[in-house]
């Protein structure tokens, strides 16, 4: 909880002092599109978490950490956005947010190492793994006023 409060405090100081992005504490993470998400409710699936976090950008990689023996979620994950600027929005807006009774801790990750695949395990296609509709598949609609 202390990290959540500290991130909020730093963000408030930057707003108060009108610090631009190049002087922001976020700038040190400009080369990484990954964030850490802690406090995830244990019963949420990968798709649920991606759905929540996709409101700030296109998710291109996601790793919900699970117990090796039981396969149950450990309540934290790593997520990568297509555009690094989305990480700033996610950290600023989701950090400290309550989701299904749990407080989320969201922070930048400077150097993320992808988990090693087990021998013989093939990497799935993103569309299958995340069940994301390919571009152009969703119906187009327009609203007339």
Protein backbone atom coordinates (compact mmCIF):
# COMPACT_ATOMS: atom_id res chain seq x y z
CA UNK A 1 0.00 0.00 0.00
CA UNK A 2 2.94 2.33 0.63
CA UNK A 3 4.02 2.10 -3.02
CA UNK A 4 0.51 3.01 -4.14
CA UNK A 5 0.51 6.10 -1.92
CA UNK A 6 4.03 7.09 -2.98
CA UNK A 7 3.20 6.96 -6.69
CA UNK A 8 0.09 9.07 -6.07
CA UNK A 9 2.13 11.57 -4.03
CA UNK A 10 4.79 11.92 -6.75
CA UNK A 11 2.14 12.38 -9.44
CA UNK A 12 0.41 15.09 -7.39
CA UNK A 13 3.72 16.94 -6.93
CA UNK A 14 4.39 16.82 -10.67
CA UNK A 15 0.95 18.26 -11.42
CA UNK A 16 1.35 20.95 -8.76
CA UNK A 17 4.78 21.95 -10.06
CA UNK A 18 3.69 21.68 -13.71
CA UNK A 19 6.48 19.28 -14.64
CA UNK A 20 6.43 18.21 -18.29
CA UNK A 21 6.92 14.61 -19.44
CA UNK A 22 10.69 14.86 -19.95
CA UNK A 23 11.11 15.88 -16.30
CA UNK A 24 8.60 13.37 -15.00
CA UNK A 25 9.55 10.27 -13.04
CA UNK A 26 7.83 8.30 -15.84
CA UNK A 27 10.57 9.37 -18.26
CA UNK A 28 13.08 6.89 -16.83
CA UNK A 29 10.82 4.09 -18.15
CA UNK A 30 10.45 5.50 -21.68
CA UNK A 31 12.19 2.47 -23.20
CA UNK A 32 9.85 -0.12 -21.67
CA UNK A 33 6.23 -0.78 -22.57
CA UNK A 34 5.77 -3.20 -19.64
CA UNK A 35 3.91 -2.63 -16.40
CA UNK A 36 3.58 -4.69 -13.22
CA UNK A 37 0.06 -5.29 -11.93
CA UNK A 38 -0.33 -6.50 -8.34
CA UNK A 39 -3.42 -7.13 -6.25
CA UNK A 40 -5.34 -8.81 -9.07
CA UNK A 41 -8.40 -10.66 -7.76
CA UNK A 42 -7.58 -14.37 -7.89
CA UNK A 43 -10.69 -15.37 -9.80
CA UNK A 44 -10.09 -13.03 -12.76
CA UNK A 45 -8.90 -14.64 -15.99
CA UNK A 46 -6.26 -13.32 -18.37
CA UNK A 47 -9.02 -12.05 -20.65
CA UNK A 48 -10.70 -10.18 -17.78
CA UNK A 49 -7.50 -8.33 -16.86
CA UNK A 50 -6.67 -7.56 -20.49
CA UNK A 51 -10.19 -6.20 -20.97
CA UNK A 52 -9.76 -3.81 -18.03
CA UNK A 53 -6.28 -2.62 -19.02
CA UNK A 54 -6.98 -2.33 -22.75
CA UNK A 55 -8.91 0.89 -22.17
CA UNK A 56 -5.56 2.73 -22.17
CA UNK A 57 -3.97 1.01 -25.15
CA UNK A 58 -3.48 -2.09 -27.26
CA UNK A 59 -2.15 -4.98 -25.16
CA UNK A 60 0.55 -6.94 -27.00
CA UNK A 61 1.89 -9.22 -24.26
CA UNK A 62 0.45 -10.48 -21.00
CA UNK A 63 1.75 -12.84 -18.33
CA UNK A 64 -0.54 -13.69 -15.42
CA UNK A 65 1.77 -15.43 -12.96
CA UNK A 66 0.37 -18.75 -11.75
CA UNK A 67 1.36 -21.33 -9.16
CA UNK A 68 3.33 -24.08 -10.94
CA UNK A 69 1.59 -26.90 -9.10
CA UNK A 70 -2.02 -25.73 -8.81
CA UNK A 71 -2.19 -23.45 -11.85
CA UNK A 72 -4.03 -20.85 -9.76
CA UNK A 73 -3.31 -17.15 -10.17
CA UNK A 74 -0.82 -15.62 -7.73
CA UNK A 75 -2.57 -12.25 -8.06
CA UNK A 76 0.03 -10.41 -10.11
CA UNK A 77 0.93 -10.04 -13.77
CA UNK A 78 3.08 -8.26 -16.31
CA UNK A 79 1.52 -6.50 -19.28
CA UNK A 80 3.00 -4.81 -22.37
CA UNK A 81 1.31 -2.13 -24.41
CA UNK A 82 1.88 -1.49 -28.10
CA UNK A 83 2.60 2.18 -27.34
CA UNK A 84 4.82 2.93 -24.34
CA UNK A 85 2.82 6.07 -23.54
CA UNK A 86 -0.07 3.82 -22.54
CA UNK A 87 2.00 2.66 -19.56
CA UNK A 88 1.89 6.19 -18.12
CA UNK A 89 -1.89 6.28 -18.39
CA UNK A 90 -2.22 2.84 -16.81
CA UNK A 91 0.13 3.59 -13.91
CA UNK A 92 -1.45 6.97 -13.18
CA UNK A 93 -5.05 5.78 -13.43
CA UNK A 94 -5.05 2.17 -12.21
CA UNK A 95 -2.55 2.38 -9.35
CA UNK A 96 -4.55 2.39 -6.11
CA UNK A 97 -7.82 1.52 -7.84
CA UNK A 98 -10.10 -0.96 -6.09
CA UNK A 99 -11.10 -3.91 -8.30
CA UNK A 100 -13.50 -6.49 -6.85
CA UNK A 101 -12.49 -5.55 -3.32
CA UNK A 102 -8.71 -5.60 -3.91
CA UNK A 103 -6.47 -2.57 -4.34
CA UNK A 104 -4.37 -2.71 -7.49
CA UNK A 105 -0.71 -1.81 -7.47
CA UNK A 106 0.42 -0.76 -10.94
CA UNK A 107 3.96 0.35 -11.70
CA UNK A 108 6.42 0.57 -14.56
CA UNK A 109 8.86 -2.27 -15.26
CA UNK A 110 12.27 -1.13 -16.49
CA UNK A 111 13.65 -4.48 -17.70
CA UNK A 112 11.12 -7.27 -18.19
CA UNK A 113 12.35 -10.78 -18.94
CA UNK A 114 9.81 -13.05 -20.58
CA UNK A 115 9.34 -16.41 -18.85
CA UNK A 116 11.14 -19.30 -20.49
CA UNK A 117 8.95 -21.77 -22.35
CA UNK A 118 9.05 -25.38 -21.23
CA UNK A 119 10.74 -27.82 -23.58
CA UNK A 120 8.35 -28.91 -26.32
CA UNK A 121 5.90 -26.12 -25.55
CA UNK A 122 5.06 -24.03 -28.58
CA UNK A 123 4.18 -20.37 -28.40
CA UNK A 124 0.53 -19.76 -29.28
CA UNK A 125 -0.65 -17.13 -31.67
CA UNK A 126 -1.77 -13.90 -29.97
CA UNK A 127 -5.29 -14.20 -31.37
CA UNK A 128 -5.67 -17.64 -29.78
CA UNK A 129 -3.91 -16.81 -26.52
CA UNK A 130 -5.75 -13.57 -25.86
CA UNK A 131 -8.84 -14.20 -27.96
CA UNK A 132 -8.52 -10.77 -29.54
CA UNK A 133 -10.47 -10.19 -32.74
CA UNK A 134 -8.14 -9.59 -35.70
CA UNK A 135 -8.24 -6.09 -37.13
CA UNK A 136 -11.12 -5.65 -39.55
CA UNK A 137 -13.19 -8.52 -38.10
CA UNK A 138 -15.27 -6.43 -35.75
CA UNK A 139 -18.35 -4.90 -37.37
CA UNK A 140 -18.11 -1.26 -38.30
CA UNK A 141 -20.91 1.09 -37.38
CA UNK A 142 -21.57 4.77 -37.51
CA UNK A 143 -23.73 7.04 -35.41
CA UNK A 144 -25.82 9.76 -37.01
CA UNK A 145 -26.96 12.75 -35.02
